[in-house]
Amino acid sequence: MSTEVWILVATAVLAVVAIGAAVIAVRAARRLAATLSTSSPAPIEVSREVAPVRRPTGEVTIHTPTQLPPELEPRLVEGRLIVPPTQHQVVQTALGRPGVRLSVLAHGLAHALRPESRDRISALMRREYRRRRRERAHAGRRAVRAAQPTPPSDQWLGS
């Protein structure tokens, strides 16, 4: 088969996988919406007390509702408590998407395959190969010297 046919087959397989993923996602969203609409959530009260927040480093800081900007403050919407995500959560979500990860991988591959990068990588590999070859030669010479003991130095004087 020619290259064009292989590319066409790969594209068709990717399209089928994408459609399957979309169908599964829509079904899961509908199922979640159905379970949320049938269950009646208990009323949630937001207290104005000081809440300790534990950081990953182990330190505990105290946040009061007055310290947060109004758009980041938790609020009730239609009987549900809405807490805006932190900046870290937004970045993790955005960078965790498969499209973004594929884009980052493609960018890295494109960078690695540029002529400048290829030349630099091959020069580093050549340098490392030569360094190891030199080390092996030095080790071999040391082994030969250690295996052949030298005659005593006063032998040339004659006995």
N, C-alpha and C. Protein backbone atom coordinates (compact mmCIF):
# COMPACT_ATOMS: atom_id res chain seq x y z
N MET A 1 0.84 -1.19 0.00
CA MET A 1 0.00 0.00 0.00
C MET A 1 0.88 1.24 0.00
N SER A 2 0.35 2.28 -0.58
CA SER A 2 1.13 3.52 -0.66
C SER A 2 0.99 4.32 0.63
N THR A 3 1.80 5.34 0.74
CA THR A 3 1.80 6.18 1.94
C THR A 3 0.47 6.90 2.11
N GLU A 4 -0.11 7.33 0.99
CA GLU A 4 -1.38 8.06 1.07
C GLU A 4 -2.49 7.19 1.66
N VAL A 5 -2.49 5.91 1.30
CA VAL A 5 -3.52 5.01 1.82
C VAL A 5 -3.34 4.81 3.32
N TRP A 6 -2.10 4.67 3.78
CA TRP A 6 -1.83 4.52 5.20
C TRP A 6 -2.28 5.75 5.97
N ILE A 7 -2.02 6.92 5.41
CA ILE A 7 -2.45 8.16 6.07
C ILE A 7 -3.97 8.22 6.13
N LEU A 8 -4.63 7.81 5.05
CA LEU A 8 -6.09 7.81 5.03
C LEU A 8 -6.66 6.84 6.07
N VAL A 9 -6.06 5.66 6.19
CA VAL A 9 -6.52 4.68 7.18
C VAL A 9 -6.32 5.22 8.59
N ALA A 10 -5.16 5.82 8.86
CA ALA A 10 -4.89 6.37 10.19
C ALA A 10 -5.88 7.48 10.52
N THR A 11 -6.19 8.33 9.54
CA THR A 11 -7.15 9.41 9.76
C THR A 11 -8.53 8.85 10.06
N ALA A 12 -8.93 7.81 9.35
CA ALA A 12 -10.24 7.20 9.59
C ALA A 12 -10.31 6.59 10.98
N VAL A 13 -9.24 5.92 11.40
CA VAL A 13 -9.22 5.33 12.75
C VAL A 13 -9.32 6.42 13.81
N LEU A 14 -8.57 7.51 13.63
CA LEU A 14 -8.64 8.62 14.59
C LEU A 14 -10.04 9.23 14.63
N ALA A 15 -10.69 9.35 13.48
CA ALA A 15 -12.04 9.91 13.45
C ALA A 15 -13.01 9.01 14.21
N VAL A 16 -12.89 7.70 14.04
CA VAL A 16 -13.78 6.77 14.74
C VAL A 16 -13.55 6.85 16.25
N VAL A 17 -12.30 6.93 16.66
CA VAL A 17 -11.99 7.05 18.09
C VAL A 17 -12.55 8.35 18.65
N ALA A 18 -12.42 9.45 17.91
CA ALA A 18 -12.93 10.75 18.37
C ALA A 18 -14.45 10.72 18.50
N ILE A 19 -15.12 10.13 17.53
CA ILE A 19 -16.59 10.05 17.59
C ILE A 19 -17.01 9.17 18.77
N GLY A 20 -16.32 8.07 18.99
CA GLY A 20 -16.63 7.20 20.14
C GLY A 20 -16.45 7.93 21.46
N ALA A 21 -15.37 8.69 21.58
CA ALA A 21 -15.14 9.45 22.81
C ALA A 21 -16.22 10.51 23.01
N ALA A 22 -16.63 11.15 21.92
CA ALA A 22 -17.68 12.17 22.03
C ALA A 22 -19.00 11.54 22.48
N VAL A 23 -19.35 10.39 21.94
CA VAL A 23 -20.59 9.71 22.33
C VAL A 23 -20.54 9.33 23.81
N ILE A 24 -19.43 8.78 24.25
CA ILE A 24 -19.30 8.39 25.66
C ILE A 24 -19.41 9.62 26.56
N ALA A 25 -18.78 10.73 26.17
CA ALA A 25 -18.84 11.95 26.98
C ALA A 25 -20.27 12.50 27.05
N VAL A 26 -20.99 12.48 25.94
CA VAL A 26 -22.37 12.99 25.94
C VAL A 26 -23.25 12.10 26.82
N ARG A 27 -23.09 10.79 26.73
CA ARG A 27 -23.88 9.89 27.58
C ARG A 27 -23.59 10.13 29.06
N ALA A 28 -22.32 10.30 29.40
CA ALA A 28 -21.97 10.54 30.80
C ALA A 28 -22.53 11.87 31.29
N ALA A 29 -22.49 12.89 30.45
CA ALA A 29 -23.04 14.19 30.84
C ALA A 29 -24.55 14.11 31.03
N ARG A 30 -25.24 13.40 30.15
CA ARG A 30 -26.70 13.26 30.30
C ARG A 30 -27.04 12.46 31.56
N ARG A 31 -26.27 11.41 31.83
CA ARG A 31 -26.51 10.61 33.02
C ARG A 31 -26.29 11.44 34.28
N LEU A 32 -25.24 12.26 34.28
CA LEU A 32 -24.95 13.12 35.43
C LEU A 32 -26.05 14.16 35.61
N ALA A 33 -26.51 14.76 34.50
CA ALA A 33 -27.57 15.75 34.58
C ALA A 33 -28.85 15.12 35.11
N ALA A 34 -29.13 13.89 34.69
CA ALA A 34 -30.34 13.21 35.15
C ALA A 34 -30.26 12.91 36.64
N THR A 35 -29.12 12.48 37.13
CA THR A 35 -29.01 12.17 38.55
C THR A 35 -29.05 13.44 39.39
N LEU A 36 -28.50 14.54 38.87
CA LEU A 36 -28.54 15.79 39.63
C LEU A 36 -29.94 16.38 39.67
N SER A 37 -30.72 16.22 38.59
CA SER A 37 -32.06 16.80 38.57
C SER A 37 -33.02 15.99 39.44
N THR A 38 -32.81 14.68 39.58
CA THR A 38 -33.72 13.87 40.39
C THR A 38 -33.43 13.99 41.87
N SER A 39 -32.18 14.18 42.23
CA SER A 39 -31.85 14.29 43.66
C SER A 39 -32.06 15.73 44.11
N SER A 40 -32.66 15.89 45.27
CA SER A 40 -32.88 17.23 45.80
C SER A 40 -31.76 17.55 46.78
N PRO A 41 -30.94 18.51 46.44
CA PRO A 41 -29.83 18.83 47.34
C PRO A 41 -30.32 19.51 48.60
N ALA A 42 -29.67 19.20 49.69
CA ALA A 42 -30.00 19.84 50.96
C ALA A 42 -29.52 21.29 50.90
N PRO A 43 -30.25 22.20 51.54
CA PRO A 43 -29.80 23.58 51.52
C PRO A 43 -28.44 23.72 52.19
N ILE A 44 -27.58 24.50 51.56
CA ILE A 44 -26.22 24.69 52.05
C ILE A 44 -26.10 26.11 52.58
N GLU A 45 -25.52 26.21 53.73
CA GLU A 45 -25.30 27.52 54.31
C GLU A 45 -23.82 27.84 54.26
N VAL A 46 -23.52 29.07 53.90
CA VAL A 46 -22.13 29.51 53.86
C VAL A 46 -21.88 30.31 55.11
N SER A 47 -20.94 29.85 55.91
CA SER A 47 -20.66 30.56 57.15
C SER A 47 -19.63 31.65 56.88
N ARG A 48 -19.65 32.67 57.67
CA ARG A 48 -18.71 33.78 57.53
C ARG A 48 -17.56 33.65 58.52
N GLU A 49 -17.34 32.43 59.01
CA GLU A 49 -16.26 32.22 59.97
C GLU A 49 -14.93 32.15 59.25
N VAL A 50 -13.87 32.25 60.02
CA VAL A 50 -12.52 32.14 59.48
C VAL A 50 -12.24 30.66 59.22
N ALA A 51 -11.76 30.34 58.01
CA ALA A 51 -11.51 28.95 57.64
C ALA A 51 -10.02 28.74 57.41
N PRO A 52 -9.42 27.75 58.09
CA PRO A 52 -8.00 27.47 57.83
C PRO A 52 -7.83 26.77 56.49
N VAL A 53 -6.80 27.13 55.77
CA VAL A 53 -6.49 26.51 54.49
C VAL A 53 -5.12 25.86 54.61
N ARG A 54 -5.05 24.58 54.28
CA ARG A 54 -3.79 23.85 54.38
C ARG A 54 -3.09 23.88 53.03
N ARG A 55 -1.86 24.36 53.03
CA ARG A 55 -1.05 24.43 51.81
C ARG A 55 -0.28 23.11 51.65
N PRO A 56 0.16 22.81 50.39
CA PRO A 56 0.92 21.57 50.17
C PRO A 56 2.21 21.51 50.98
N THR A 57 2.80 22.65 51.32
CA THR A 57 4.06 22.65 52.07
C THR A 57 3.84 22.32 53.53
N GLY A 58 2.59 22.30 53.99
CA GLY A 58 2.32 21.96 55.37
C GLY A 58 1.94 23.17 56.22
N GLU A 59 2.20 24.37 55.71
CA GLU A 59 1.86 25.55 56.50
C GLU A 59 0.36 25.81 56.40
N VAL A 60 -0.18 26.37 57.44
CA VAL A 60 -1.60 26.66 57.49
C VAL A 60 -1.77 28.17 57.49
N THR A 61 -2.58 28.66 56.55
CA THR A 61 -2.88 30.09 56.52
C THR A 61 -4.37 30.27 56.74
N ILE A 62 -4.72 31.41 57.24
CA ILE A 62 -6.11 31.69 57.54
C ILE A 62 -6.65 32.69 56.50
N HIS A 63 -7.75 32.28 55.87
CA HIS A 63 -8.41 33.16 54.90
C HIS A 63 -9.78 33.50 55.45
N THR A 64 -10.08 34.76 55.48
CA THR A 64 -11.43 35.17 55.82
C THR A 64 -12.11 35.61 54.53
N PRO A 65 -13.41 35.58 54.48
CA PRO A 65 -14.11 35.98 53.26
C PRO A 65 -13.77 37.41 52.83
N THR A 66 -13.38 38.26 53.77
CA THR A 66 -13.06 39.64 53.38
C THR A 66 -11.71 39.73 52.69
N GLN A 67 -10.82 38.70 52.86
CA GLN A 67 -9.53 38.73 52.20
C GLN A 67 -9.63 38.34 50.73
N LEU A 68 -10.67 37.61 50.35
CA LEU A 68 -10.81 37.17 48.97
C LEU A 68 -11.50 38.25 48.14
N PRO A 69 -11.10 38.39 46.87
CA PRO A 69 -11.84 39.30 46.00
C PRO A 69 -13.27 38.79 45.84
N PRO A 70 -14.21 39.67 45.56
CA PRO A 70 -15.63 39.25 45.50
C PRO A 70 -15.88 38.17 44.44
N GLU A 71 -15.15 38.16 43.33
CA GLU A 71 -15.40 37.16 42.30
C GLU A 71 -14.87 35.78 42.67
N LEU A 72 -13.98 35.70 43.68
CA LEU A 72 -13.45 34.40 44.11
C LEU A 72 -14.12 33.89 45.38
N GLU A 73 -15.06 34.63 45.90
CA GLU A 73 -15.74 34.22 47.13
C GLU A 73 -16.78 33.15 46.80
N PRO A 74 -16.85 32.10 47.61
CA PRO A 74 -17.90 31.07 47.38
C PRO A 74 -19.28 31.69 47.49
N ARG A 75 -20.20 31.22 46.65
CA ARG A 75 -21.56 31.78 46.65
C ARG A 75 -22.57 30.69 46.33
N LEU A 76 -23.82 30.93 46.70
CA LEU A 76 -24.91 30.01 46.42
C LEU A 76 -25.59 30.42 45.13
N VAL A 77 -25.74 29.47 44.22
CA VAL A 77 -26.46 29.70 42.97
C VAL A 77 -27.45 28.57 42.80
N GLU A 78 -28.72 28.90 42.78
CA GLU A 78 -29.82 27.93 42.64
C GLU A 78 -29.69 26.79 43.66
N GLY A 79 -29.35 27.13 44.89
CA GLY A 79 -29.28 26.14 45.96
C GLY A 79 -28.00 25.31 45.97
N ARG A 80 -27.06 25.64 45.11
CA ARG A 80 -25.80 24.89 45.07
C ARG A 80 -24.65 25.83 45.41
N LEU A 81 -23.69 25.32 46.16
CA LEU A 81 -22.52 26.10 46.55
C LEU A 81 -21.52 26.09 45.39
N ILE A 82 -21.17 27.26 44.91
CA ILE A 82 -20.22 27.40 43.82
C ILE A 82 -18.94 27.99 44.39
N VAL A 83 -17.83 27.25 44.25
CA VAL A 83 -16.53 27.71 44.69
C VAL A 83 -15.65 27.83 43.46
N PRO A 84 -15.24 29.04 43.10
CA PRO A 84 -14.39 29.20 41.91
C PRO A 84 -13.07 28.44 42.07
N PRO A 85 -12.56 27.90 40.99
CA PRO A 85 -11.30 27.15 41.08
C PRO A 85 -10.12 28.08 41.31
N THR A 86 -9.08 27.53 41.88
CA THR A 86 -7.86 28.31 42.07
C THR A 86 -7.11 28.40 40.74
N GLN A 87 -6.15 29.28 40.70
CA GLN A 87 -5.37 29.44 39.47
C GLN A 87 -4.60 28.15 39.16
N HIS A 88 -4.10 27.49 40.19
CA HIS A 88 -3.38 26.23 40.00
C HIS A 88 -4.30 25.17 39.38
N GLN A 89 -5.54 25.08 39.84
CA GLN A 89 -6.48 24.11 39.29
C GLN A 89 -6.80 24.42 37.84
N VAL A 90 -6.92 25.69 37.50
CA VAL A 90 -7.21 26.07 36.11
C VAL A 90 -6.05 25.68 35.20
N VAL A 91 -4.83 25.95 35.63
CA VAL A 91 -3.65 25.62 34.82
C VAL A 91 -3.53 24.11 34.66
N GLN A 92 -3.72 23.34 35.75
CA GLN A 92 -3.65 21.88 35.67
C GLN A 92 -4.69 21.33 34.70
N THR A 93 -5.90 21.88 34.74
CA THR A 93 -6.95 21.41 33.85
C THR A 93 -6.63 21.74 32.40
N ALA A 94 -6.16 22.96 32.17
CA ALA A 94 -5.87 23.37 30.79
C ALA A 94 -4.71 22.57 30.20
N LEU A 95 -3.67 22.35 31.00
CA LEU A 95 -2.51 21.63 30.48
C LEU A 95 -2.71 20.12 30.48
N GLY A 96 -3.73 19.64 31.16
CA GLY A 96 -3.99 18.21 31.19
C GLY A 96 -4.83 17.72 30.04
N ARG A 97 -5.35 18.63 29.23
CA ARG A 97 -6.19 18.22 28.10
C ARG A 97 -5.35 17.48 27.07
N PRO A 98 -5.91 16.45 26.46
CA PRO A 98 -5.14 15.68 25.47
C PRO A 98 -4.66 16.53 24.29
N GLY A 99 -5.49 17.46 23.84
CA GLY A 99 -5.08 18.30 22.71
C GLY A 99 -3.87 19.16 23.04
N VAL A 100 -3.86 19.70 24.25
CA VAL A 100 -2.73 20.53 24.68
C VAL A 100 -1.49 19.67 24.84
N ARG A 101 -1.65 18.50 25.43
CA ARG A 101 -0.50 17.61 25.62
C ARG A 101 0.07 17.17 24.28
N LEU A 102 -0.81 16.88 23.32
CA LEU A 102 -0.35 16.50 21.98
C LEU A 102 0.36 17.67 21.31
N SER A 103 -0.17 18.87 21.51
CA SER A 103 0.46 20.06 20.94
C SER A 103 1.86 20.27 21.52
N VAL A 104 2.00 20.09 22.83
CA VAL A 104 3.31 20.25 23.47
C VAL A 104 4.29 19.20 22.94
N LEU A 105 3.80 17.96 22.79
CA LEU A 105 4.65 16.89 22.25
C LEU A 105 5.08 17.21 20.82
N ALA A 106 4.14 17.67 20.00
CA ALA A 106 4.46 18.00 18.61
C ALA A 106 5.47 19.14 18.54
N HIS A 107 5.30 20.13 19.41
CA HIS A 107 6.26 21.25 19.43
C HIS A 107 7.65 20.76 19.83
N GLY A 108 7.71 19.88 20.82
CA GLY A 108 9.00 19.34 21.24
C GLY A 108 9.67 18.52 20.15
N LEU A 109 8.87 17.71 19.46
CA LEU A 109 9.44 16.92 18.36
C LEU A 109 9.93 17.82 17.23
N ALA A 110 9.14 18.85 16.91
CA ALA A 110 9.56 19.77 15.85
C ALA A 110 10.87 20.47 16.23
N HIS A 111 10.98 20.85 17.50
CA HIS A 111 12.20 21.49 17.96
C HIS A 111 13.39 20.53 17.88
N ALA A 112 13.16 19.28 18.28
CA ALA A 112 14.25 18.30 18.28
C ALA A 112 14.70 17.95 16.86
N LEU A 113 13.79 18.04 15.90
CA LEU A 113 14.13 17.66 14.53
C LEU A 113 14.67 18.81 13.69
N ARG A 114 14.76 20.00 14.25
CA ARG A 114 15.37 21.11 13.51
C ARG A 114 16.84 20.81 13.25
N PRO A 115 17.38 21.33 12.16
CA PRO A 115 18.80 21.04 11.86
C PRO A 115 19.75 21.48 12.97
N GLU A 116 19.49 22.65 13.59
CA GLU A 116 20.38 23.13 14.64
C GLU A 116 20.39 22.16 15.82
N SER A 117 19.20 21.70 16.20
CA SER A 117 19.10 20.77 17.34
C SER A 117 19.73 19.43 17.00
N ARG A 118 19.47 18.96 15.78
CA ARG A 118 20.07 17.68 15.37
C ARG A 118 21.58 17.77 15.41
N ASP A 119 22.13 18.87 14.89
CA ASP A 119 23.59 19.03 14.88
C ASP A 119 24.15 19.09 16.30
N ARG A 120 23.46 19.82 17.17
CA ARG A 120 23.92 19.94 18.55
C ARG A 120 23.87 18.58 19.25
N ILE A 121 22.79 17.85 19.06
CA ILE A 121 22.64 16.54 19.70
C ILE A 121 23.69 15.57 19.16
N SER A 122 23.91 15.58 17.84
CA SER A 122 24.91 14.65 17.29
C SER A 122 26.31 15.03 17.76
N ALA A 123 26.60 16.33 17.91
CA ALA A 123 27.91 16.74 18.42
C ALA A 123 28.10 16.29 19.86
N LEU A 124 27.05 16.41 20.67
CA LEU A 124 27.14 15.95 22.06
C LEU A 124 27.36 14.43 22.12
N MET A 125 26.64 13.71 21.27
CA MET A 125 26.80 12.25 21.26
C MET A 125 28.21 11.86 20.80
N ARG A 126 28.72 12.56 19.78
CA ARG A 126 30.06 12.27 19.28
C ARG A 126 31.10 12.55 20.36
N ARG A 127 30.94 13.67 21.07
CA ARG A 127 31.87 14.04 22.14
C ARG A 127 31.84 12.99 23.25
N GLU A 128 30.64 12.55 23.63
CA GLU A 128 30.51 11.55 24.68
C GLU A 128 31.12 10.22 24.23
N TYR A 129 30.93 9.83 22.97
CA TYR A 129 31.50 8.59 22.44
C TYR A 129 33.03 8.65 22.50
N ARG A 130 33.60 9.76 22.09
CA ARG A 130 35.06 9.90 22.11
C ARG A 130 35.59 9.87 23.54
N ARG A 131 34.88 10.54 24.46
CA ARG A 131 35.31 10.56 25.85
C ARG A 131 35.33 9.14 26.43
N ARG A 132 34.30 8.36 26.16
CA ARG A 132 34.25 6.99 26.67
C ARG A 132 35.32 6.12 26.02
N ARG A 133 35.58 6.33 24.74
CA ARG A 133 36.62 5.55 24.06
C ARG A 133 37.99 5.86 24.67
N ARG A 134 38.25 7.16 24.97
CA ARG A 134 39.50 7.55 25.62
C ARG A 134 39.62 6.90 26.99
N GLU A 135 38.53 6.91 27.76
CA GLU A 135 38.55 6.29 29.09
C GLU A 135 38.86 4.80 28.99
N ARG A 136 38.26 4.11 28.03
CA ARG A 136 38.53 2.68 27.86
C ARG A 136 39.99 2.44 27.49
N ALA A 137 40.55 3.28 26.62
CA ALA A 137 41.96 3.13 26.23
C ALA A 137 42.89 3.34 27.43
N HIS A 138 42.60 4.39 28.22
CA HIS A 138 43.42 4.64 29.42
C HIS A 138 43.32 3.47 30.40
N ALA A 139 42.11 2.95 30.59
CA ALA A 139 41.92 1.83 31.51
C ALA A 139 42.68 0.60 31.00
N GLY A 140 42.65 0.39 29.68
CA GLY A 140 43.39 -0.74 29.10
C GLY A 140 44.89 -0.61 29.32
N ARG A 141 45.41 0.61 29.12
CA ARG A 141 46.84 0.82 29.33
C ARG A 141 47.22 0.61 30.79
N ARG A 142 46.38 1.09 31.72
CA ARG A 142 46.65 0.88 33.14
C ARG A 142 46.64 -0.61 33.49
N ALA A 143 45.71 -1.36 32.88
CA ALA A 143 45.63 -2.79 33.15
C ALA A 143 46.87 -3.51 32.64
N VAL A 144 47.37 -3.11 31.46
CA VAL A 144 48.57 -3.74 30.92
C VAL A 144 49.75 -3.44 31.81
N ARG A 145 49.87 -2.18 32.26
CA ARG A 145 50.98 -1.81 33.14
C ARG A 145 50.91 -2.57 34.46
N ALA A 146 49.70 -2.75 34.98
CA ALA A 146 49.56 -3.46 36.25
C ALA A 146 49.88 -4.95 36.09
N ALA A 147 49.62 -5.51 34.91
CA ALA A 147 49.86 -6.93 34.69
C ALA A 147 51.34 -7.23 34.46
N GLN A 148 52.11 -6.27 33.96
CA GLN A 148 53.54 -6.47 33.69
C GLN A 148 54.36 -5.68 34.70
N PRO A 149 54.87 -6.35 35.71
CA PRO A 149 55.66 -5.61 36.70
C PRO A 149 56.97 -5.16 36.07
N THR A 150 57.42 -3.99 36.43
CA THR A 150 58.67 -3.46 35.89
C THR A 150 59.84 -4.08 36.63
N PRO A 151 60.97 -4.26 35.94
CA PRO A 151 62.14 -4.82 36.62
C PRO A 151 62.66 -3.80 37.63
N PRO A 152 63.43 -4.24 38.60
CA PRO A 152 63.97 -3.30 39.58
C PRO A 152 64.82 -2.24 38.89
N SER A 153 64.82 -1.05 39.44
CA SER A 153 65.50 0.06 38.77
C SER A 153 67.02 -0.01 38.89
N ASP A 154 67.56 -0.77 39.82
CA ASP A 154 69.01 -0.84 39.96
C ASP A 154 69.63 -1.94 39.10
N GLN A 155 68.85 -2.60 38.28
CA GLN A 155 69.35 -3.69 37.46
C GLN A 155 70.32 -3.18 36.39
N TRP A 156 70.19 -1.98 35.94
CA TRP A 156 71.06 -1.46 34.89
C TRP A 156 72.49 -1.22 35.39
N LEU A 157 72.66 -1.14 36.71
CA LEU A 157 74.00 -0.92 37.25
C LEU A 157 74.88 -2.16 37.10
N GLY A 158 74.24 -3.26 37.00
CA GLY A 158 74.99 -4.50 36.91
C GLY A 158 75.32 -5.02 38.29
N SER A 159 75.31 -6.26 38.47
CA SER A 159 75.55 -6.76 39.82
C SER A 159 76.89 -7.42 39.96
